[in-house]
Protein backbone atom coordinates (compact mmCIF):
# COMPACT_ATOMS: atom_id res chain seq x y z
CA MET A 1 43.65 -5.42 23.83
CA THR A 2 41.77 -2.14 24.08
CA LYS A 3 42.29 0.18 21.21
CA ARG A 4 43.73 3.56 21.93
CA THR A 5 41.88 6.67 20.98
CA ASP A 6 43.08 10.06 19.88
CA ILE A 7 41.92 11.24 23.20
CA ASP A 8 44.35 8.77 24.79
CA GLU A 9 47.22 10.19 22.61
CA LEU A 10 46.56 13.78 23.38
CA GLU A 11 46.51 12.82 27.18
CA ASP A 12 50.10 11.19 26.78
CA ALA A 13 51.28 14.16 24.55
CA SER A 14 50.38 16.38 27.50
CA GLU A 15 52.05 14.50 30.06
CA SER A 16 55.47 14.90 27.80
CA LEU A 17 55.42 18.53 28.31
CA LYS A 18 55.63 19.65 31.94
CA PRO A 19 54.91 23.12 33.03
CA VAL A 20 37.99 31.06 13.67
CA ASP A 21 36.18 32.86 12.24
CA ALA A 22 37.32 35.24 9.34
CA ASP A 23 36.64 38.19 11.21
CA SER A 24 39.48 37.31 13.60
CA ALA A 25 42.15 36.99 11.09
CA PRO A 26 44.81 39.77 11.31
CA SER A 27 44.45 42.99 9.52
CA GLY A 28 45.65 42.80 5.88
CA PHE A 29 44.91 39.13 5.56
CA SER A 30 43.93 39.44 2.00
CA SER A 31 47.12 41.27 0.84
CA PHE A 32 49.33 39.07 2.88
CA GLN A 33 47.85 36.11 1.71
CA ARG A 34 48.21 37.12 -1.98
CA GLN A 35 51.97 38.16 -1.44
CA ILE A 36 52.86 34.75 0.18
CA ARG A 37 50.76 32.74 -2.19
CA SER A 38 52.73 34.41 -5.19
CA SER A 39 56.17 33.92 -3.92
CA LEU A 40 55.71 30.25 -2.75
CA GLY A 41 54.07 29.53 -5.96
CA ALA A 42 56.90 30.47 -7.98
CA ALA A 43 59.59 29.11 -5.54
CA GLY A 44 57.30 25.87 -5.24
CA ASP A 45 57.31 25.24 -9.07
CA ARG A 46 60.85 25.44 -8.98
CA LEU A 47 61.38 23.11 -6.37
CA LYS A 48 58.95 20.55 -7.45
CA LYS A 49 60.97 20.37 -10.92
CA THR A 50 64.20 19.48 -9.37
CA LEU A 51 63.76 18.04 -5.96
CA PRO A 52 62.29 14.85 -4.72
CA VAL A 53 59.62 14.86 -2.25
CA GLU A 54 61.74 14.57 0.78
CA GLN A 55 63.92 17.35 0.03
CA LEU A 56 61.27 19.31 -1.14
CA ALA A 57 59.73 19.11 2.49
CA GLN A 58 62.99 20.07 4.17
CA SER A 59 63.63 22.83 1.68
CA LEU A 60 60.37 24.38 2.22
CA VAL A 61 60.75 24.34 5.93
CA GLN A 62 64.17 25.87 5.62
CA TRP A 63 63.16 28.58 3.27
CA PHE A 64 59.89 29.70 4.48
CA GLY A 65 60.20 28.52 8.21
CA VAL A 66 60.25 31.63 10.99
CA SER A 67 63.54 32.36 11.98
CA GLU A 68 64.71 32.82 15.80
CA THR A 69 65.01 36.46 14.62
CA GLN A 70 61.55 36.79 13.34
CA VAL A 71 60.33 34.93 16.48
CA ALA A 72 61.82 37.58 18.58
CA GLU A 73 60.58 40.39 16.44
CA ILE A 74 57.03 38.98 16.69
CA LEU A 75 57.29 38.58 20.33
CA GLU A 76 58.35 42.26 20.78
CA THR A 77 55.81 43.23 18.89
CA VAL A 78 53.09 41.47 20.79
CA ARG A 79 54.90 42.29 24.06
CA ALA A 80 54.74 46.11 23.39
CA GLU A 81 50.92 45.86 23.00
CA LEU A 82 50.27 43.93 26.14
CA PRO A 83 48.67 45.98 29.07
CA THR A 84 51.12 44.41 31.43
CA THR A 85 50.74 45.28 35.31
CA GLU A 86 53.35 44.58 37.86
CA ALA A 87 51.70 43.85 41.37
CA ILE A 88 54.44 44.28 44.07
CA LEU A 89 53.41 42.29 46.88
CA ILE A 90 54.54 43.69 50.45
CA GLY A 91 53.93 41.27 53.59
CA LYS A 92 55.60 39.03 55.80
CA THR A 93 55.98 35.25 55.11
CA GLN A 94 52.63 33.32 55.48
CA ALA A 95 50.71 36.41 54.99
CA GLY A 96 48.96 34.92 51.81
CA LYS A 97 51.02 36.71 48.98
CA SER A 98 51.35 33.38 47.15
CA SER A 99 47.76 32.94 47.57
CA ILE A 100 46.93 35.98 46.12
CA VAL A 101 48.82 35.11 43.11
CA ARG A 102 46.88 31.80 42.88
CA GLY A 103 43.69 33.65 43.28
CA ILE A 104 44.46 36.12 40.23
CA THR A 105 45.87 33.74 37.92
CA GLY A 106 43.98 30.55 38.71
CA VAL A 107 47.05 28.41 38.70
CA SER A 108 47.96 25.73 41.39
CA ALA A 109 49.99 26.50 44.42
CA GLU A 110 52.82 24.18 43.21
CA VAL A 111 52.93 26.18 39.82
CA VAL A 112 52.94 29.49 41.54
CA GLY A 113 55.65 28.09 44.08
CA GLN A 114 58.08 26.85 40.84
CA GLY A 115 57.29 30.19 38.83
CA PHE A 116 58.89 32.32 41.11
CA ARG A 117 62.59 33.48 40.11
CA PRO A 118 65.03 35.51 41.98
CA HIS A 119 65.02 38.96 40.73
CA THR A 120 67.15 41.01 43.45
CA GLN A 121 68.62 40.32 46.51
CA HIS A 122 65.49 40.85 48.57
CA THR A 123 62.72 40.38 45.73
CA GLN A 124 61.63 37.53 43.58
CA CYS A 125 59.43 37.69 40.53
CA TYR A 126 56.75 35.46 38.78
CA ALA A 127 55.87 36.38 35.15
CA TYR A 128 52.28 35.09 34.30
CA PRO A 129 51.46 33.33 32.08
CA THR A 130 55.19 33.27 30.55
CA ASN A 131 58.34 35.29 30.74
CA ASP A 132 58.12 36.43 27.10
CA LEU A 133 54.45 37.69 27.02
CA PRO A 134 53.46 38.32 30.64
CA LEU A 135 49.98 39.92 31.62
CA LEU A 136 50.93 40.03 35.02
CA ILE A 137 54.29 40.31 36.82
CA PHE A 138 54.31 39.49 40.59
CA THR A 139 57.34 41.18 42.52
CA ASP A 140 57.47 39.56 45.86
CA THR A 141 59.44 40.99 48.94
CA VAL A 142 61.59 37.98 50.50
CA GLY A 143 62.07 37.72 54.31
CA LEU A 144 59.89 40.45 55.69
CA GLY A 145 59.32 39.93 59.28
CA ASP A 146 62.28 38.24 59.98
CA THR A 147 64.05 39.70 63.17
CA ASN A 148 67.61 40.33 61.56
CA GLN A 149 65.96 41.64 58.14
CA ALA A 150 66.57 45.57 57.64
CA THR A 151 63.72 47.12 55.96
CA GLN A 152 66.21 49.86 54.36
CA PRO A 153 67.59 47.76 51.63
CA ILE A 154 63.98 46.50 50.72
CA ILE A 155 62.87 50.05 50.30
CA GLN A 156 65.87 50.91 48.16
CA GLU A 157 65.46 48.11 45.82
CA LEU A 158 61.55 48.64 45.51
CA THR A 159 62.08 52.19 45.15
CA GLU A 160 64.75 51.39 42.09
CA GLU A 161 62.44 48.89 40.65
CA LEU A 162 59.23 51.62 40.53
CA GLN A 163 61.72 53.84 38.54
CA THR A 164 62.30 51.41 35.67
CA ASP A 165 60.03 50.74 32.68
CA ARG A 166 57.54 53.48 33.98
CA SER A 167 55.28 52.58 31.19
CA ARG A 168 53.95 49.59 32.99
CA ALA A 169 51.11 49.63 35.17
CA ARG A 170 51.95 49.09 38.78
CA VAL A 171 50.16 48.47 41.93
CA LEU A 172 51.26 48.04 45.75
CA ILE A 173 49.66 45.29 47.56
CA LEU A 174 50.14 45.68 51.13
CA THR A 175 49.42 42.07 52.56
CA ILE A 176 48.71 41.65 56.33
CA LYS A 177 47.23 38.82 58.43
CA ILE A 178 44.37 39.73 60.50
CA THR A 179 45.93 38.54 63.46
CA ASP A 180 49.24 40.48 63.07
CA PHE A 181 49.49 44.14 64.55
CA ALA A 182 53.23 44.19 64.62
CA ILE A 183 53.10 46.10 61.08
CA ASP A 184 55.73 48.97 61.91
CA SER A 185 58.33 47.68 59.12
CA LEU A 186 55.46 47.36 56.66
CA LYS A 187 54.33 50.99 57.62
CA GLN A 188 57.65 52.11 57.02
CA ILE A 189 58.07 50.46 53.53
CA ALA A 190 54.56 51.85 52.37
CA GLN A 191 55.39 55.28 53.72
CA GLN A 192 58.65 55.52 52.13
CA LEU A 193 57.53 54.14 48.63
CA ARG A 194 54.30 56.33 48.47
CA GLN A 195 56.18 59.38 49.43
CA ALA A 196 58.57 58.58 46.41
CA HIS A 197 55.97 57.47 43.92
CA PRO A 198 52.63 58.77 44.83
CA GLU A 199 51.24 57.90 41.32
CA VAL A 200 51.36 54.13 42.47
CA PRO A 201 48.29 53.18 44.03
CA CYS A 202 48.16 51.03 47.14
CA LEU A 203 45.68 48.23 48.04
CA LEU A 204 45.54 47.03 51.59
CA ALA A 205 44.64 43.25 51.67
CA VAL A 206 44.07 42.02 55.07
CA THR A 207 44.13 38.02 55.01
CA CYS A 208 43.44 34.94 56.82
CA LEU A 209 40.17 35.92 58.20
CA HIS A 210 38.91 32.45 59.27
CA GLU A 211 41.75 32.41 61.99
CA VAL A 212 39.47 34.88 64.13
CA TYR A 213 36.02 33.34 62.98
CA PRO A 214 33.70 32.50 66.19
CA PRO A 215 34.16 29.06 67.45
CA GLY A 216 32.16 26.36 65.79
CA THR A 217 32.20 28.42 62.43
CA GLU A 218 32.70 25.71 59.53
CA ASN A 219 32.57 27.97 56.73
CA HIS A 220 32.78 31.70 55.27
CA PRO A 221 29.72 33.80 55.92
CA ASP A 222 28.27 35.90 53.00
CA TYR A 223 30.82 38.49 51.72
CA PRO A 224 31.71 40.77 53.41
CA PRO A 225 31.84 39.08 56.98
CA THR A 226 29.99 40.58 59.78
CA PHE A 227 31.66 38.78 62.38
CA GLU A 228 32.46 41.55 65.07
CA ALA A 229 36.18 40.00 65.41
CA VAL A 230 37.05 40.58 61.75
CA ASN A 231 35.66 44.07 61.59
CA ARG A 232 37.35 45.15 64.88
CA ALA A 233 40.95 43.97 63.59
CA PHE A 234 39.89 45.23 60.17
CA ALA A 235 39.23 48.72 61.40
CA ALA A 236 42.37 48.44 63.78
CA ILE A 237 44.72 47.55 60.92
CA GLN A 238 43.18 50.49 58.69
CA GLN A 239 43.38 52.85 61.30
CA ALA A 240 47.43 52.14 61.60
CA LEU A 241 48.04 52.74 58.08
CA ALA A 242 45.85 55.62 57.83
CA GLY A 243 46.62 57.77 54.60
CA LEU A 244 48.60 55.15 53.08
CA CYS A 245 46.26 52.81 51.01
CA ASP A 246 43.99 53.78 48.44
CA ARG A 247 41.73 50.82 48.96
CA ALA A 248 41.12 48.21 51.81
CA ILE A 249 39.72 44.52 51.32
CA LEU A 250 39.15 41.56 53.40
CA LEU A 251 40.31 38.21 51.88
CA ASP A 252 40.84 34.55 52.78
CA PHE A 253 42.25 32.61 50.15
CA THR A 254 42.54 28.75 51.26
CA LEU A 255 43.58 25.51 49.80
CA GLU A 256 40.55 22.99 48.80
CA GLU A 257 41.76 20.76 51.49
CA ASP A 258 40.99 23.29 54.27
CA GLY A 259 37.26 22.76 53.69
CA TYR A 260 36.25 26.39 53.13
CA ASN A 261 33.99 27.46 50.42
CA PRO A 262 34.46 29.37 48.19
CA VAL A 263 38.56 28.76 48.23
CA PHE A 264 38.98 32.35 47.19
CA TYR A 265 36.95 34.26 49.51
CA GLY A 266 36.62 37.95 48.46
CA LEU A 267 37.97 37.48 44.99
CA GLU A 268 35.62 39.62 43.66
CA ALA A 269 36.18 42.41 46.08
CA LEU A 270 40.03 41.93 44.96
CA ARG A 271 39.25 42.29 41.30
CA ASP A 272 37.02 45.37 41.86
CA ALA A 273 39.51 47.29 43.85
CA LEU A 274 42.39 46.30 41.25
CA THR A 275 40.13 47.76 38.35
CA GLU A 276 39.37 50.67 40.21
CA LEU A 277 43.38 51.33 40.79
CA LEU A 278 44.65 50.45 37.69
CA PRO A 279 44.57 52.25 34.09
CA GLU A 280 41.63 51.04 31.75
CA ALA A 281 43.53 48.71 29.55
CA GLU A 282 45.21 47.10 32.61
CA SER A 283 42.10 47.24 34.80
CA ARG A 284 39.87 45.35 31.70
CA THR A 285 42.84 42.66 31.63
CA ILE A 286 42.50 41.95 35.55
CA HIS A 287 38.59 42.23 35.33
CA GLN A 288 38.80 39.56 32.54
CA LEU A 289 41.36 37.44 34.22
CA LEU A 290 39.11 37.44 37.33
CA ASP A 291 35.89 36.75 35.79
CA ASP A 292 34.23 33.23 35.06
CA GLU A 293 35.83 33.09 31.42
CA ALA A 294 39.31 33.97 32.76
CA GLY A 295 41.15 30.96 30.81
CA LYS A 296 39.12 31.86 27.61
CA LYS A 297 40.17 35.21 27.93
CA LEU A 298 43.71 34.35 27.91
CA GLY A 299 43.23 31.86 25.55
CA ASP A 300 42.02 34.06 23.09
CA LEU A 301 44.99 36.94 23.63
CA TYR A 302 47.64 34.02 22.86
CA ARG A 303 45.57 32.64 20.03
CA ASP A 304 45.52 36.15 18.60
CA ALA A 305 49.29 36.13 18.80
CA GLY A 306 49.65 32.56 17.51
CA ARG A 307 47.59 33.37 14.25
CA ARG A 308 50.89 35.55 13.29
CA TYR A 309 52.50 31.92 12.74
CA ILE A 310 49.70 29.95 11.79
CA LEU A 311 48.70 32.30 8.75
CA PRO A 312 51.89 31.98 6.61
CA PHE A 313 52.02 28.20 7.52
CA SER A 314 48.60 27.75 6.16
CA VAL A 315 49.36 29.37 3.03
CA MET A 316 52.56 27.25 2.80
CA ALA A 317 50.72 24.09 3.00
CA ALA A 318 48.04 25.10 0.35
CA THR A 319 51.11 25.83 -2.06
CA ALA A 320 52.54 22.42 -1.27
CA ALA A 321 49.24 20.55 -1.41
CA ALA A 322 48.64 22.02 -5.02
CA VAL A 323 51.18 19.35 -6.32
CA PRO A 324 48.93 17.12 -8.53
CA LEU A 325 50.64 13.90 -7.83
CA PRO A 326 48.63 11.83 -5.13
CA PHE A 327 50.42 11.36 -1.87
CA ALA A 328 53.30 13.05 -3.04
CA THR A 329 52.87 16.09 -0.86
CA MET A 330 51.85 14.37 2.70
CA PRO A 331 55.50 14.40 3.82
CA VAL A 332 55.81 18.05 2.92
CA LEU A 333 52.76 19.05 4.82
CA THR A 334 53.93 16.91 7.70
CA ALA A 335 57.15 18.82 8.05
CA LEU A 336 55.35 22.01 7.72
CA GLN A 337 52.63 21.37 10.41
CA GLY A 338 55.64 19.93 12.82
CA SER A 339 57.38 23.20 12.40
CA MET A 340 54.43 25.23 13.20
CA VAL A 341 53.92 23.45 16.33
CA VAL A 342 57.27 23.81 17.63
CA LEU A 343 57.03 27.46 16.80
CA LEU A 344 53.75 27.98 18.62
CA GLY A 345 55.22 26.27 21.70
CA GLN A 346 57.95 28.73 21.58
CA LEU A 347 55.20 31.39 22.05
CA TYR A 348 53.58 29.70 24.98
CA GLY A 349 56.89 28.99 26.61
CA GLN A 350 57.12 25.21 25.85
CA THR A 351 60.21 23.71 24.26
CA LEU A 352 59.50 20.96 22.01
CA SER A 353 61.35 18.16 20.11
CA PRO A 354 60.26 17.35 16.41
CA ALA A 355 59.35 14.24 18.06
CA GLN A 356 57.05 15.87 20.77
CA ALA A 357 55.53 18.15 17.93
CA GLY A 358 54.72 15.14 16.01
CA GLY A 359 53.16 13.50 18.51
CA ILE A 360 51.03 16.48 19.50
CA VAL A 361 49.91 16.88 15.74
CA SER A 362 48.94 13.16 15.54
CA ALA A 363 47.03 13.22 18.98
CA ILE A 364 45.23 16.39 17.89
CA ALA A 365 44.44 15.71 14.41
CA GLY A 366 43.97 12.22 14.39
CA GLY A 367 40.60 12.31 13.29
CA PHE A 368 41.46 13.87 10.18
CA ALA A 369 43.63 11.17 8.69
CA ALA A 370 40.87 9.65 6.43
CA GLN A 371 40.12 13.11 5.30
CA ALA A 372 43.80 13.69 4.32
CA ILE A 373 43.71 10.28 2.24
CA GLY A 374 40.48 11.51 0.43
CA ARG A 375 42.15 14.93 -0.24
CA GLU A 376 45.10 13.27 -1.96
CA LEU A 377 42.80 10.85 -4.10
CA ILE A 378 40.89 13.88 -5.29
CA LYS A 379 43.86 15.10 -7.11
CA PHE A 380 43.16 12.50 -9.78
CA ILE A 381 40.43 15.29 -10.76
CA PRO A 382 42.53 17.67 -13.24
CA VAL A 383 42.75 21.21 -12.05
CA PHE A 384 39.57 20.89 -10.07
CA GLY A 385 41.24 18.28 -7.60
CA SER A 386 44.23 20.59 -6.60
CA VAL A 387 42.01 23.14 -6.04
CA ILE A 388 40.27 21.18 -3.33
CA ALA A 389 43.52 19.82 -2.05
CA ALA A 390 45.02 23.08 -1.47
CA SER A 391 41.84 24.45 0.23
CA TRP A 392 41.62 21.66 2.26
CA ALA A 393 45.45 21.84 3.43
CA ALA A 394 45.20 25.37 4.40
CA ALA A 395 42.02 25.10 6.40
CA TYR A 396 43.27 21.91 8.15
CA THR A 397 46.68 23.66 9.07
CA TRP A 398 44.88 26.74 10.29
CA ALA A 399 42.58 24.49 12.42
CA LEU A 400 45.70 22.56 13.76
CA GLY A 401 47.13 25.68 14.85
CA GLU A 402 44.23 27.03 16.76
CA ALA A 403 43.75 23.76 18.23
CA THR A 404 47.28 23.77 19.25
CA CYS A 405 47.04 27.23 20.83
CA VAL A 406 44.14 25.76 23.05
CA TYR A 407 46.36 22.86 24.13
CA PHE A 408 49.46 25.18 25.07
CA GLY A 409 46.87 27.41 26.68
CA ASP A 410 45.52 24.67 29.03
CA LEU A 411 49.21 23.96 29.66
CA ILE A 412 50.29 27.55 30.79
CA GLY A 413 47.37 27.81 32.72
CA GLY A 414 48.28 25.13 35.02
CA LYS A 415 45.67 22.92 33.77
CA LYS A 416 45.47 19.39 32.02
CA PRO A 417 44.51 19.74 28.52
CA ASP A 418 40.99 19.14 27.84
CA PRO A 419 41.03 16.52 24.63
CA LYS A 420 37.32 16.88 23.93
CA ARG A 421 37.54 20.71 23.92
CA ILE A 422 40.45 20.68 21.89
CA GLN A 423 39.02 18.43 19.16
CA GLN A 424 35.80 20.68 19.12
CA VAL A 425 37.86 23.76 18.67
CA MET A 426 39.72 21.79 15.68
CA ASN A 427 36.46 20.89 14.32
CA GLU A 428 34.91 24.43 14.27
CA SER A 429 38.19 26.11 13.27
CA PHE A 430 38.20 23.75 10.03
CA ALA A 431 34.64 24.40 9.03
CA ALA A 432 35.32 28.03 9.36
CA ALA A 433 38.74 28.01 7.69
CA LYS A 434 37.36 25.92 4.62
CA GLU A 435 35.33 28.97 3.70
CA ARG A 436 38.19 31.62 4.27
CA PHE A 437 40.72 29.43 2.24
CA ARG A 438 38.35 28.05 -0.35
CA ASN A 439 39.84 30.35 -3.20
CA ILE A 440 43.44 30.04 -2.19
CA LYS A 441 44.58 28.76 -5.56
CA GLN A 442 42.88 31.17 -7.46
CA SER A 443 44.93 34.33 -8.88
């Protein structure tokens, strides 16, 4: 029988969920650490004198866990700091609006399709990466181009949408197939929206370029294309919408099975146009999402938010691990770390049962099991052993939290978690955190 590895277990854990260095610690880390350490130390001493280990584990989680109210407060604080952009997609069915969402976010067509939710009678919304903490909100017009679809109700709904939450950056993306010249309804919508909200920029995206490529053309040319049919149609559409759009670009976002390379032809032009049209903070976010390290940038943002959970749990783990009796505190640490993973899952829009959280902890941190036993055995050394155990527990909990954030970051990005990268993050974070927490039990 083949022996299962930690990587196998991590892959199983990811299937069950459908879709640092010291300088990066939160401001006020040291004072916050001392404050939590003091309160937990006193409470822990009282608990250790009166409760068995199992009750101690349960009590610590209940006493010092993060309540739903606190979770909501943390999310609200982070949400207020996010440079969120709403992209209002105006275009007919099959014009390539969903493909633009795929190109910007990097998620699959299936995830994009499932992500849209009804918003108003004539619009639907997709918040990326999650509804709680959206960097981008895509508002899509539904049914444009249908013969019986009146444009005035759509205009009214979009006008009302633009009047709400004016602190959010917005951009209109007018999406038109290069072969479509019946654009009077789109022009009417753009005209009235620009008249009512001239402060909202408008980007014209002309799509599906390969439909007018010369016969025998098997791939995209260098960007921008110089085919006469493309340039002629592009110029005609721009002329029909003269004065309504601030920028105009050519795009051809296909699927891999279509055989065109690159799949997102014109993505850099889209990135540059959006960064020119949006305010500085929002344009910087768009640029980061569309560069080669988009996943890393998004992961860093969520990990920064996740550290607000990880820090108190790391200090709690150190306090629990200071109990001098070997192996007495392992159930406490297991309960604390499982609770931390559940809360991090909420941050990333994932709902976990305790069993699922335990499976993720086991898969991510399986290689640390031997070190955990060694940490407990070293408690036989008076005083010094407890300091080592506490420092190890804090660093281990911090590293587990960092690796869990990477795991969930892959999920919300529509990717399968990479076990090797997650374990690498775990190891690197643990090495950095050992120095950070080495004096955690000193007064």
